[in-house]
Amino acid sequence: MSQEIAVIGSPDFTTGFRLAGVRKFADVPDDDKAAELDDAVQGMLTDEEVGILVMHEDDLEHLSRGVRNDVETSVEPVLVTLGGEGAGSGGLREQIKRAIGIDLMEED
């Protein structure tokens, strides 16, 4: 079972996670984000130690269609996105449902 949390994004985004003890990270500068982001995500998806992949919501827009589909449909590691304009309880609810397979907030 995968135990590591990994974070991908700008140095400003990853710094807080690194200070909190996250050891797997990929800093992707804003100048050539698309190509480097695809490579970083593919690398984390194939890393057997990574169980949770954290990214900024806005960075998903910079991924190629194939890599974005791979990361959004991945069960392990599961993608958790933070920030961005689309962030909210509905997005987090969907992420939790995808990660564990059930809706914890389902009404009877």
PDB file of N, CA and C in Angstrom:
ATOM      1  N   MET A   1       0.843  -1.183   0.000  1.00  0.00           N
ATOM      2  CA  MET A   1       0.000   0.000   0.000  1.00  0.00           C
ATOM      3  C   MET A   1       0.887   1.244   0.000  1.00  0.00           C
ATOM      4  N   SER A   2       0.552   2.201  -0.832  1.00  0.00           N
ATOM      5  CA  SER A   2       1.317   3.435  -0.968  1.00  0.00           C
ATOM      6  C   SER A   2       1.119   4.324   0.249  1.00  0.00           C
ATOM      7  N   GLN A   3       2.197   4.908   0.726  1.00  0.00           N
ATOM      8  CA  GLN A   3       2.146   5.693   1.949  1.00  0.00           C
ATOM      9  C   GLN A   3       2.515   7.156   1.779  1.00  0.00           C
ATOM     10  N   GLU A   4       3.170   7.496   0.708  1.00  0.00           N
ATOM     11  CA  GLU A   4       3.725   8.842   0.558  1.00  0.00           C
ATOM     12  C   GLU A   4       2.713   9.826  -0.025  1.00  0.00           C
ATOM     13  N   ILE A   5       2.826  11.066   0.422  1.00  0.00           N
ATOM     14  CA  ILE A   5       2.109  12.181  -0.177  1.00  0.00           C
ATOM     15  C   ILE A   5       3.111  12.899  -1.072  1.00  0.00           C
ATOM     16  N   ALA A   6       2.686  13.240  -2.266  1.00  0.00           N
ATOM     17  CA  ALA A   6       3.538  13.987  -3.189  1.00  0.00           C
ATOM     18  C   ALA A   6       2.802  15.258  -3.594  1.00  0.00           C
ATOM     19  N   VAL A   7       3.563  16.294  -3.864  1.00  0.00           N
ATOM     20  CA  VAL A   7       2.967  17.557  -4.275  1.00  0.00           C
ATOM     21  C   VAL A   7       3.694  18.063  -5.519  1.00  0.00           C
ATOM     22  N   ILE A   8       2.909  18.587  -6.451  1.00  0.00           N
ATOM     23  CA  ILE A   8       3.446  19.135  -7.700  1.00  0.00           C
ATOM     24  C   ILE A   8       2.876  20.528  -7.886  1.00  0.00           C
ATOM     25  N   GLY A   9       3.753  21.464  -8.253  1.00  0.00           N
ATOM     26  CA  GLY A   9       3.283  22.814  -8.535  1.00  0.00           C
ATOM     27  C   GLY A   9       4.415  23.819  -8.501  1.00  0.00           C
ATOM     28  N   SER A  10       4.026  25.070  -8.427  1.00  0.00           N
ATOM     29  CA  SER A  10       5.020  26.145  -8.372  1.00  0.00           C
ATOM     30  C   SER A  10       5.778  26.050  -7.055  1.00  0.00           C
ATOM     31  N   PRO A  11       6.987  26.595  -7.029  1.00  0.00           N
ATOM     32  CA  PRO A  11       7.747  26.584  -5.773  1.00  0.00           C
ATOM     33  C   PRO A  11       6.974  27.208  -4.605  1.00  0.00           C
ATOM     34  N   ASP A  12       6.197  28.247  -4.877  1.00  0.00           N
ATOM     35  CA  ASP A  12       5.386  28.860  -3.819  1.00  0.00           C
ATOM     36  C   ASP A  12       4.349  27.880  -3.274  1.00  0.00           C
ATOM     37  N   PHE A  13       3.781  27.059  -4.139  1.00  0.00           N
ATOM     38  CA  PHE A  13       2.760  26.088  -3.730  1.00  0.00           C
ATOM     39  C   PHE A  13       3.372  24.929  -2.947  1.00  0.00           C
ATOM     40  N   THR A  14       4.515  24.441  -3.380  1.00  0.00           N
ATOM     41  CA  THR A  14       5.103  23.256  -2.752  1.00  0.00           C
ATOM     42  C   THR A  14       5.833  23.552  -1.448  1.00  0.00           C
ATOM     43  N   THR A  15       6.265  24.782  -1.248  1.00  0.00           N
ATOM     44  CA  THR A  15       7.075  25.114  -0.072  1.00  0.00           C
ATOM     45  C   THR A  15       6.376  24.777   1.243  1.00  0.00           C
ATOM     46  N   GLY A  16       5.132  25.129   1.387  1.00  0.00           N
ATOM     47  CA  GLY A  16       4.401  24.834   2.621  1.00  0.00           C
ATOM     48  C   GLY A  16       4.326  23.353   2.904  1.00  0.00           C
ATOM     49  N   PHE A  17       4.116  22.562   1.873  1.00  0.00           N
ATOM     50  CA  PHE A  17       4.058  21.110   2.039  1.00  0.00           C
ATOM     51  C   PHE A  17       5.426  20.561   2.436  1.00  0.00           C
ATOM     52  N   ARG A  18       6.467  21.090   1.833  1.00  0.00           N
ATOM     53  CA  ARG A  18       7.820  20.643   2.165  1.00  0.00           C
ATOM     54  C   ARG A  18       8.158  20.980   3.607  1.00  0.00           C
ATOM     55  N   LEU A  19       7.754  22.150   4.076  1.00  0.00           N
ATOM     56  CA  LEU A  19       7.983  22.527   5.464  1.00  0.00           C
ATOM     57  C   LEU A  19       7.196  21.650   6.425  1.00  0.00           C
ATOM     58  N   ALA A  20       6.065  21.126   5.958  1.00  0.00           N
ATOM     59  CA  ALA A  20       5.244  20.237   6.783  1.00  0.00           C
ATOM     60  C   ALA A  20       5.750  18.791   6.763  1.00  0.00           C
ATOM     61  N   GLY A  21       6.775  18.523   5.966  1.00  0.00           N
ATOM     62  CA  GLY A  21       7.377  17.194   5.972  1.00  0.00           C
ATOM     63  C   GLY A  21       7.153  16.346   4.736  1.00  0.00           C
ATOM     64  N   VAL A  22       6.492  16.885   3.730  1.00  0.00           N
ATOM     65  CA  VAL A  22       6.306  16.133   2.487  1.00  0.00           C
ATOM     66  C   VAL A  22       7.655  16.048   1.783  1.00  0.00           C
ATOM     67  N   ARG A  23       8.098  14.817   1.515  1.00  0.00           N
ATOM     68  CA  ARG A  23       9.423  14.620   0.934  1.00  0.00           C
ATOM     69  C   ARG A  23       9.413  14.486  -0.579  1.00  0.00           C
ATOM     70  N   LYS A  24       8.304  14.063  -1.148  1.00  0.00           N
ATOM     71  CA  LYS A  24       8.224  13.911  -2.607  1.00  0.00           C
ATOM     72  C   LYS A  24       7.517  15.135  -3.180  1.00  0.00           C
ATOM     73  N   PHE A  25       8.228  15.847  -4.031  1.00  0.00           N
ATOM     74  CA  PHE A  25       7.651  17.038  -4.639  1.00  0.00           C
ATOM     75  C   PHE A  25       8.312  17.302  -5.980  1.00  0.00           C
ATOM     76  N   ALA A  26       7.627  18.069  -6.793  1.00  0.00           N
ATOM     77  CA  ALA A  26       8.187  18.530  -8.062  1.00  0.00           C
ATOM     78  C   ALA A  26       7.841  20.000  -8.213  1.00  0.00           C
ATOM     79  N   ASP A  27       8.874  20.836  -8.214  1.00  0.00           N
ATOM     80  CA  ASP A  27       8.670  22.263  -8.456  1.00  0.00           C
ATOM     81  C   ASP A  27       8.597  22.485  -9.957  1.00  0.00           C
ATOM     82  N   VAL A  28       7.529  23.124 -10.394  1.00  0.00           N
ATOM     83  CA  VAL A  28       7.344  23.400 -11.819  1.00  0.00           C
ATOM     84  C   VAL A  28       7.204  24.908 -11.988  1.00  0.00           C
ATOM     85  N   PRO A  29       8.243  25.553 -12.511  1.00  0.00           N
ATOM     86  CA  PRO A  29       8.170  27.008 -12.699  1.00  0.00           C
ATOM     87  C   PRO A  29       7.114  27.389 -13.726  1.00  0.00           C
ATOM     88  N   ASP A  30       6.624  28.600 -13.616  1.00  0.00           N
ATOM     89  CA  ASP A  30       5.538  29.064 -14.483  1.00  0.00           C
ATOM     90  C   ASP A  30       5.953  29.295 -15.928  1.00  0.00           C
ATOM     91  N   ASP A  31       7.248  29.440 -16.216  1.00  0.00           N
ATOM     92  CA  ASP A  31       7.669  29.807 -17.566  1.00  0.00           C
ATOM     93  C   ASP A  31       7.453  28.709 -18.608  1.00  0.00           C
ATOM     94  N   ASP A  32       7.627  27.452 -18.293  1.00  0.00           N
ATOM     95  CA  ASP A  32       7.393  26.363 -19.254  1.00  0.00           C
ATOM     96  C   ASP A  32       6.551  25.277 -18.577  1.00  0.00           C
ATOM     97  N   LYS A  33       5.431  25.704 -18.047  1.00  0.00           N
ATOM     98  CA  LYS A  33       4.625  24.852 -17.186  1.00  0.00           C
ATOM     99  C   LYS A  33       4.079  23.613 -17.892  1.00  0.00           C
ATOM    100  N   ALA A  34       3.579  23.727 -19.088  1.00  0.00           N
ATOM    101  CA  ALA A  34       2.877  22.614 -19.735  1.00  0.00           C
ATOM    102  C   ALA A  34       3.748  21.369 -19.873  1.00  0.00           C
ATOM    103  N   ALA A  35       4.896  21.480 -20.465  1.00  0.00           N
ATOM    104  CA  ALA A  35       5.743  20.308 -20.706  1.00  0.00           C
ATOM    105  C   ALA A  35       6.277  19.730 -19.402  1.00  0.00           C
ATOM    106  N   GLU A  36       6.781  20.589 -18.524  1.00  0.00           N
ATOM    107  CA  GLU A  36       7.342  20.110 -17.261  1.00  0.00           C
ATOM    108  C   GLU A  36       6.276  19.522 -16.355  1.00  0.00           C
ATOM    109  N   LEU A  37       5.082  20.092 -16.375  1.00  0.00           N
ATOM    110  CA  LEU A  37       4.001  19.596 -15.538  1.00  0.00           C
ATOM    111  C   LEU A  37       3.571  18.198 -15.970  1.00  0.00           C
ATOM    112  N   ASP A  38       3.457  17.970 -17.265  1.00  0.00           N
ATOM    113  CA  ASP A  38       3.127  16.639 -17.777  1.00  0.00           C
ATOM    114  C   ASP A  38       4.157  15.605 -17.309  1.00  0.00           C
ATOM    115  N   ASP A  39       5.438  15.948 -17.450  1.00  0.00           N
ATOM    116  CA  ASP A  39       6.505  15.028 -17.042  1.00  0.00           C
ATOM    117  C   ASP A  39       6.458  14.735 -15.548  1.00  0.00           C
ATOM    118  N   ALA A  40       6.249  15.781 -14.744  1.00  0.00           N
ATOM    119  CA  ALA A  40       6.209  15.612 -13.285  1.00  0.00           C
ATOM    120  C   ALA A  40       5.036  14.737 -12.862  1.00  0.00           C
ATOM    121  N   VAL A  41       3.871  14.964 -13.456  1.00  0.00           N
ATOM    122  CA  VAL A  41       2.682  14.179 -13.104  1.00  0.00           C
ATOM    123  C   VAL A  41       2.865  12.725 -13.517  1.00  0.00           C
ATOM    124  N   GLN A  42       3.360  12.486 -14.721  1.00  0.00           N
ATOM    125  CA  GLN A  42       3.576  11.106 -15.163  1.00  0.00           C
ATOM    126  C   GLN A  42       4.565  10.388 -14.252  1.00  0.00           C
ATOM    127  N   GLY A  43       5.595  11.089 -13.814  1.00  0.00           N
ATOM    128  CA  GLY A  43       6.567  10.494 -12.901  1.00  0.00           C
ATOM    129  C   GLY A  43       5.945  10.104 -11.569  1.00  0.00           C
ATOM    130  N   MET A  44       5.090  10.956 -11.029  1.00  0.00           N
ATOM    131  CA  MET A  44       4.439  10.657  -9.744  1.00  0.00           C
ATOM    132  C   MET A  44       3.398   9.554  -9.891  1.00  0.00           C
ATOM    133  N   LEU A  45       2.722   9.501 -11.032  1.00  0.00           N
ATOM    134  CA  LEU A  45       1.720   8.450 -11.250  1.00  0.00           C
ATOM    135  C   LEU A  45       2.351   7.063 -11.295  1.00  0.00           C
ATOM    136  N   THR A  46       3.589   6.993 -11.745  1.00  0.00           N
ATOM    137  CA  THR A  46       4.253   5.688 -11.844  1.00  0.00           C
ATOM    138  C   THR A  46       5.086   5.346 -10.611  1.00  0.00           C
ATOM    139  N   ASP A  47       5.192   6.279  -9.665  1.00  0.00           N
ATOM    140  CA  ASP A  47       5.946   6.042  -8.434  1.00  0.00           C
ATOM    141  C   ASP A  47       5.082   5.220  -7.481  1.00  0.00           C
ATOM    142  N   GLU A  48       5.489   4.004  -7.209  1.00  0.00           N
ATOM    143  CA  GLU A  48       4.687   3.094  -6.381  1.00  0.00           C
ATOM    144  C   GLU A  48       4.584   3.527  -4.927  1.00  0.00           C
ATOM    145  N   GLU A  49       5.439   4.431  -4.484  1.00  0.00           N
ATOM    146  CA  GLU A  49       5.392   4.903  -3.107  1.00  0.00           C
ATOM    147  C   GLU A  49       4.356   5.997  -2.891  1.00  0.00           C
ATOM    148  N   VAL A  50       3.895   6.636  -3.961  1.00  0.00           N
ATOM    149  CA  VAL A  50       2.966   7.761  -3.854  1.00  0.00           C
ATOM    150  C   VAL A  50       1.529   7.252  -3.776  1.00  0.00           C
ATOM    151  N   GLY A  51       0.828   7.651  -2.711  1.00  0.00           N
ATOM    152  CA  GLY A  51      -0.573   7.277  -2.532  1.00  0.00           C
ATOM    153  C   GLY A  51      -1.512   8.446  -2.742  1.00  0.00           C
ATOM    154  N   ILE A  52      -1.027   9.657  -2.478  1.00  0.00           N
ATOM    155  CA  ILE A  52      -1.829  10.872  -2.638  1.00  0.00           C
ATOM    156  C   ILE A  52      -0.997  11.885  -3.399  1.00  0.00           C
ATOM    157  N   LEU A  53      -1.569  12.430  -4.452  1.00  0.00           N
ATOM    158  CA  LEU A  53      -0.908  13.443  -5.266  1.00  0.00           C
ATOM    159  C   LEU A  53      -1.669  14.758  -5.105  1.00  0.00           C
ATOM    160  N   VAL A  54      -0.988  15.780  -4.619  1.00  0.00           N
ATOM    161  CA  VAL A  54      -1.606  17.086  -4.372  1.00  0.00           C
ATOM    162  C   VAL A  54      -1.147  18.061  -5.443  1.00  0.00           C
ATOM    163  N   MET A  55      -2.127  18.756  -6.036  1.00  0.00           N
ATOM    164  CA  MET A  55      -1.835  19.778  -7.042  1.00  0.00           C
ATOM    165  C   MET A  55      -2.768  20.962  -6.834  1.00  0.00           C
ATOM    166  N   HIS A  56      -2.380  22.103  -7.388  1.00  0.00           N
ATOM    167  CA  HIS A  56      -3.263  23.265  -7.402  1.00  0.00           C
ATOM    168  C   HIS A  56      -4.313  23.036  -8.491  1.00  0.00           C
ATOM    169  N   GLU A  57      -5.530  23.372  -8.199  1.00  0.00           N
ATOM    170  CA  GLU A  57      -6.638  23.185  -9.149  1.00  0.00           C
ATOM    171  C   GLU A  57      -6.344  23.829 -10.505  1.00  0.00           C
ATOM    172  N   ASP A  58      -5.784  25.020 -10.507  1.00  0.00           N
ATOM    173  CA  ASP A  58      -5.516  25.741 -11.754  1.00  0.00           C
ATOM    174  C   ASP A  58      -4.480  25.043 -12.632  1.00  0.00           C
ATOM    175  N   ASP A  59      -3.590  24.251 -12.027  1.00  0.00           N
ATOM    176  CA  ASP A  59      -2.559  23.560 -12.807  1.00  0.00           C
ATOM    177  C   ASP A  59      -3.135  22.452 -13.687  1.00  0.00           C
ATOM    178  N   LEU A  60      -4.312  21.960 -13.364  1.00  0.00           N
ATOM    179  CA  LEU A  60      -4.923  20.926 -14.208  1.00  0.00           C
ATOM    180  C   LEU A  60      -5.154  21.427 -15.625  1.00  0.00           C
ATOM    181  N   GLU A  61      -5.398  22.725 -15.769  1.00  0.00           N
ATOM    182  CA  GLU A  61      -5.631  23.318 -17.092  1.00  0.00           C
ATOM    183  C   GLU A  61      -4.391  23.265 -17.977  1.00  0.00           C
ATOM    184  N   HIS A  62      -3.215  23.144 -17.376  1.00  0.00           N
ATOM    185  CA  HIS A  62      -1.959  23.130 -18.134  1.00  0.00           C
ATOM    186  C   HIS A  62      -1.549  21.723 -18.577  1.00  0.00           C
ATOM    187  N   LEU A  63      -2.246  20.699 -18.094  1.00  0.00           N
ATOM    188  CA  LEU A  63      -1.903  19.325 -18.472  1.00  0.00           C
ATOM    189  C   LEU A  63      -2.430  19.000 -19.858  1.00  0.00           C
ATOM    190  N   SER A  64      -1.722  18.128 -20.556  1.00  0.00           N
ATOM    191  CA  SER A  64      -2.231  17.653 -21.841  1.00  0.00           C
ATOM    192  C   SER A  64      -3.472  16.792 -21.571  1.00  0.00           C
ATOM    193  N   ARG A  65      -4.281  16.603 -22.581  1.00  0.00           N
ATOM    194  CA  ARG A  65      -5.537  15.871 -22.421  1.00  0.00           C
ATOM    195  C   ARG A  65      -5.316  14.467 -21.864  1.00  0.00           C
ATOM    196  N   GLY A  66      -4.331  13.747 -22.382  1.00  0.00           N
ATOM    197  CA  GLY A  66      -4.086  12.375 -21.944  1.00  0.00           C
ATOM    198  C   GLY A  66      -3.621  12.287 -20.502  1.00  0.00           C
ATOM    199  N   VAL A  67      -2.693  13.159 -20.126  1.00  0.00           N
ATOM    200  CA  VAL A  67      -2.179  13.150 -18.750  1.00  0.00           C
ATOM    201  C   VAL A  67      -3.271  13.590 -17.785  1.00  0.00           C
ATOM    202  N   ARG A  68      -4.044  14.577 -18.190  1.00  0.00           N
ATOM    203  CA  ARG A  68      -5.152  15.030 -17.325  1.00  0.00           C
ATOM    204  C   ARG A  68      -6.150  13.901 -17.101  1.00  0.00           C
ATOM    205  N   ASN A  69      -6.489  13.170 -18.136  1.00  0.00           N
ATOM    206  CA  ASN A  69      -7.404  12.042 -17.996  1.00  0.00           C
ATOM    207  C   ASN A  69      -6.803  10.977 -17.069  1.00  0.00           C
ATOM    208  N   ASP A  70      -5.515  10.693 -17.253  1.00  0.00           N
ATOM    209  CA  ASP A  70      -4.846   9.702 -16.403  1.00  0.00           C
ATOM    210  C   ASP A  70      -4.903  10.082 -14.930  1.00  0.00           C
ATOM    211  N   VAL A  71      -4.600  11.333 -14.640  1.00  0.00           N
ATOM    212  CA  VAL A  71      -4.547  11.761 -13.239  1.00  0.00           C
ATOM    213  C   VAL A  71      -5.954  11.863 -12.629  1.00  0.00           C
ATOM    214  N   GLU A  72      -6.937  12.270 -13.421  1.00  0.00           N
ATOM    215  CA  GLU A  72      -8.296  12.403 -12.890  1.00  0.00           C
ATOM    216  C   GLU A  72      -8.977  11.056 -12.677  1.00  0.00           C
ATOM    217  N   THR A  73      -8.557  10.037 -13.400  1.00  0.00           N
ATOM    218  CA  THR A  73      -9.165   8.720 -13.246  1.00  0.00           C
ATOM    219  C   THR A  73      -8.327   7.784 -12.393  1.00  0.00           C
ATOM    220  N   SER A  74      -7.180   8.241 -11.927  1.00  0.00           N
ATOM    221  CA  SER A  74      -6.294   7.414 -11.130  1.00  0.00           C
ATOM    222  C   SER A  74      -6.904   7.128  -9.757  1.00  0.00           C
ATOM    223  N   VAL A  75      -6.841   5.866  -9.357  1.00  0.00           N
ATOM    224  CA  VAL A  75      -7.304   5.473  -8.039  1.00  0.00           C
ATOM    225  C   VAL A  75      -6.139   5.502  -7.054  1.00  0.00           C
ATOM    226  N   GLU A  76      -4.987   5.073  -7.519  1.00  0.00           N
ATOM    227  CA  GLU A  76      -3.786   5.132  -6.693  1.00  0.00           C
ATOM    228  C   GLU A  76      -2.604   5.521  -7.551  1.00  0.00           C
ATOM    229  N   PRO A  77      -2.050   6.670  -7.385  1.00  0.00           N
ATOM    230  CA  PRO A  77      -2.379   7.627  -6.341  1.00  0.00           C
ATOM    231  C   PRO A  77      -3.663   8.397  -6.660  1.00  0.00           C
ATOM    232  N   VAL A  78      -4.318   8.835  -5.616  1.00  0.00           N
ATOM    233  CA  VAL A  78      -5.523   9.642  -5.779  1.00  0.00           C
ATOM    234  C   VAL A  78      -5.099  11.106  -5.864  1.00  0.00           C
ATOM    235  N   LEU A  79      -5.754  11.841  -6.740  1.00  0.00           N
ATOM    236  CA  LEU A  79      -5.463  13.258  -6.921  1.00  0.00           C
ATOM    237  C   LEU A  79      -6.305  14.080  -5.955  1.00  0.00           C
ATOM    238  N   VAL A  80      -5.656  14.998  -5.260  1.00  0.00           N
ATOM    239  CA  VAL A  80      -6.339  15.973  -4.420  1.00  0.00           C
ATOM    240  C   VAL A  80      -5.921  17.339  -4.925  1.00  0.00           C
ATOM    241  N   THR A  81      -6.901  18.154  -5.307  1.00  0.00           N
ATOM    242  CA  THR A  81      -6.592  19.498  -5.795  1.00  0.00           C
ATOM    243  C   THR A  81      -6.999  20.520  -4.752  1.00  0.00           C
ATOM    244  N   LEU A  82      -6.221  21.580  -4.684  1.00  0.00           N
ATOM    245  CA  LEU A  82      -6.479  22.652  -3.732  1.00  0.00           C
ATOM    246  C   LEU A  82      -6.481  23.976  -4.448  1.00  0.00           C
ATOM    247  N   GLY A  83      -7.191  24.952  -3.886  1.00  0.00           N
ATOM    248  CA  GLY A  83      -7.185  26.305  -4.422  1.00  0.00           C
ATOM    249  C   GLY A  83      -7.925  26.405  -5.738  1.00  0.00           C
ATOM    250  N   GLY A  84      -7.734  27.521  -6.378  1.00  0.00           N
ATOM    251  CA  GLY A  84      -8.374  27.756  -7.675  1.00  0.00           C
ATOM    252  C   GLY A  84      -9.790  28.249  -7.515  1.00  0.00           C
ATOM    253  N   GLU A  85     -10.357  28.687  -8.622  1.00  0.00           N
ATOM    254  CA  GLU A  85     -11.716  29.225  -8.603  1.00  0.00           C
ATOM    255  C   GLU A  85     -12.755  28.132  -8.455  1.00  0.00           C
ATOM    256  N   GLY A  86     -12.464  26.925  -8.926  1.00  0.00           N
ATOM    257  CA  GLY A  86     -13.436  25.831  -8.860  1.00  0.00           C
ATOM    258  C   GLY A  86     -13.433  25.099  -7.538  1.00  0.00           C
ATOM    259  N   ALA A  87     -12.592  25.505  -6.603  1.00  0.00           N
ATOM    260  CA  ALA A  87     -12.501  24.805  -5.322  1.00  0.00           C
ATOM    261  C   ALA A  87     -13.742  25.089  -4.498  1.00  0.00           C
ATOM    262  N   GLY A  88     -14.173  24.080  -3.798  1.00  0.00           N
ATOM    263  CA  GLY A  88     -15.339  24.219  -2.944  1.00  0.00           C
ATOM    264  C   GLY A  88     -15.712  22.879  -2.383  1.00  0.00           C
ATOM    265  N   SER A  89     -16.759  22.846  -1.579  1.00  0.00           N
ATOM    266  CA  SER A  89     -17.132  21.606  -0.907  1.00  0.00           C
ATOM    267  C   SER A  89     -17.570  20.539  -1.904  1.00  0.00           C
ATOM    268  N   GLY A  90     -18.190  20.926  -3.020  1.00  0.00           N
ATOM    269  CA  GLY A  90     -18.601  19.941  -4.017  1.00  0.00           C
ATOM    270  C   GLY A  90     -17.409  19.243  -4.636  1.00  0.00           C
ATOM    271  N   GLY A  91     -16.341  19.992  -4.915  1.00  0.00           N
ATOM    272  CA  GLY A  91     -15.140  19.403  -5.475  1.00  0.00           C
ATOM    273  C   GLY A  91     -14.463  18.462  -4.502  1.00  0.00           C
ATOM    274  N   LEU A  92     -14.348  18.868  -3.256  1.00  0.00           N
ATOM    275  CA  LEU A  92     -13.739  18.018  -2.238  1.00  0.00           C
ATOM    276  C   LEU A  92     -14.589  16.774  -2.016  1.00  0.00           C
ATOM    277  N   ARG A  93     -15.886  16.926  -2.018  1.00  0.00           N
ATOM    278  CA  ARG A  93     -16.789  15.778  -1.856  1.00  0.00           C
ATOM    279  C   ARG A  93     -16.563  14.751  -2.955  1.00  0.00           C
ATOM    280  N   GLU A  94     -16.429  15.204  -4.182  1.00  0.00           N
ATOM    281  CA  GLU A  94     -16.182  14.303  -5.301  1.00  0.00           C
ATOM    282  C   GLU A  94     -14.823  13.616  -5.187  1.00  0.00           C
ATOM    283  N   GLN A  95     -13.823  14.350  -4.711  1.00  0.00           N
ATOM    284  CA  GLN A  95     -12.494  13.768  -4.553  1.00  0.00           C
ATOM    285  C   GLN A  95     -12.508  12.665  -3.501  1.00  0.00           C
ATOM    286  N   ILE A  96     -13.203  12.898  -2.396  1.00  0.00           N
ATOM    287  CA  ILE A  96     -13.300  11.888  -1.339  1.00  0.00           C
ATOM    288  C   ILE A  96     -14.065  10.678  -1.854  1.00  0.00           C
ATOM    289  N   LYS A  97     -15.143  10.913  -2.558  1.00  0.00           N
ATOM    290  CA  LYS A  97     -15.949   9.813  -3.106  1.00  0.00           C
ATOM    291  C   LYS A  97     -15.122   8.972  -4.072  1.00  0.00           C
ATOM    292  N   ARG A  98     -14.332   9.613  -4.911  1.00  0.00           N
ATOM    293  CA  ARG A  98     -13.499   8.883  -5.853  1.00  0.00           C
ATOM    294  C   ARG A  98     -12.404   8.101  -5.130  1.00  0.00           C
ATOM    295  N   ALA A  99     -11.863   8.688  -4.067  1.00  0.00           N
ATOM    296  CA  ALA A  99     -10.759   8.052  -3.352  1.00  0.00           C
ATOM    297  C   ALA A  99     -11.190   6.817  -2.590  1.00  0.00           C
ATOM    298  N   ILE A 100     -12.361   6.858  -1.940  1.00  0.00           N
ATOM    299  CA  ILE A 100     -12.756   5.720  -1.099  1.00  0.00           C
ATOM    300  C   ILE A 100     -13.927   4.928  -1.667  1.00  0.00           C
ATOM    301  N   GLY A 101     -14.536   5.425  -2.710  1.00  0.00           N
ATOM    302  CA  GLY A 101     -15.578   4.655  -3.396  1.00  0.00           C
ATOM    303  C   GLY A 101     -16.980   4.826  -2.875  1.00  0.00           C
ATOM    304  N   ILE A 102     -17.165   5.639  -1.833  1.00  0.00           N
ATOM    305  CA  ILE A 102     -18.520   5.876  -1.324  1.00  0.00           C
ATOM    306  C   ILE A 102     -18.691   7.355  -1.005  1.00  0.00           C
ATOM    307  N   ASP A 103     -19.945   7.794  -0.955  1.00  0.00           N
ATOM    308  CA  ASP A 103     -20.247   9.166  -0.640  1.00  0.00           C
ATOM    309  C   ASP A 103     -20.560   9.250   0.851  1.00  0.00           C
ATOM    310  N   LEU A 104     -19.659   9.819   1.630  1.00  0.00           N
ATOM    311  CA  LEU A 104     -19.823   9.902   3.077  1.00  0.00           C
ATOM    312  C   LEU A 104     -20.941  10.851   3.500  1.00  0.00           C
ATOM    313  N   MET A 105     -21.300  11.776   2.618  1.00  0.00           N
ATOM    314  CA  MET A 105     -22.309  12.762   2.952  1.00  0.00           C
ATOM    315  C   MET A 105     -23.653  12.461   2.289  1.00  0.00           C
ATOM    316  N   GLU A 106     -23.823  11.229   1.863  1.00  0.00           N
ATOM    317  CA  GLU A 106     -25.039  10.831   1.193  1.00  0.00           C
ATOM    318  C   GLU A 106     -26.218  10.914   2.153  1.00  0.00           C
ATOM    319  N   GLU A 107     -27.294  11.506   1.684  1.00  0.00           N
ATOM    320  CA  GLU A 107     -28.485  11.654   2.523  1.00  0.00           C
ATOM    321  C   GLU A 107     -29.355  10.403   2.384  1.00  0.00           C
ATOM    322  N   ASP A 108     -29.979  10.014   3.497  1.00  0.00           N
ATOM    323  CA  ASP A 108     -30.845   8.813   3.493  1.00  0.00           C
ATOM    324  C   ASP A 108     -32.159   9.083   2.835  1.00  0.00           C
TER     325      ASP A 108
END
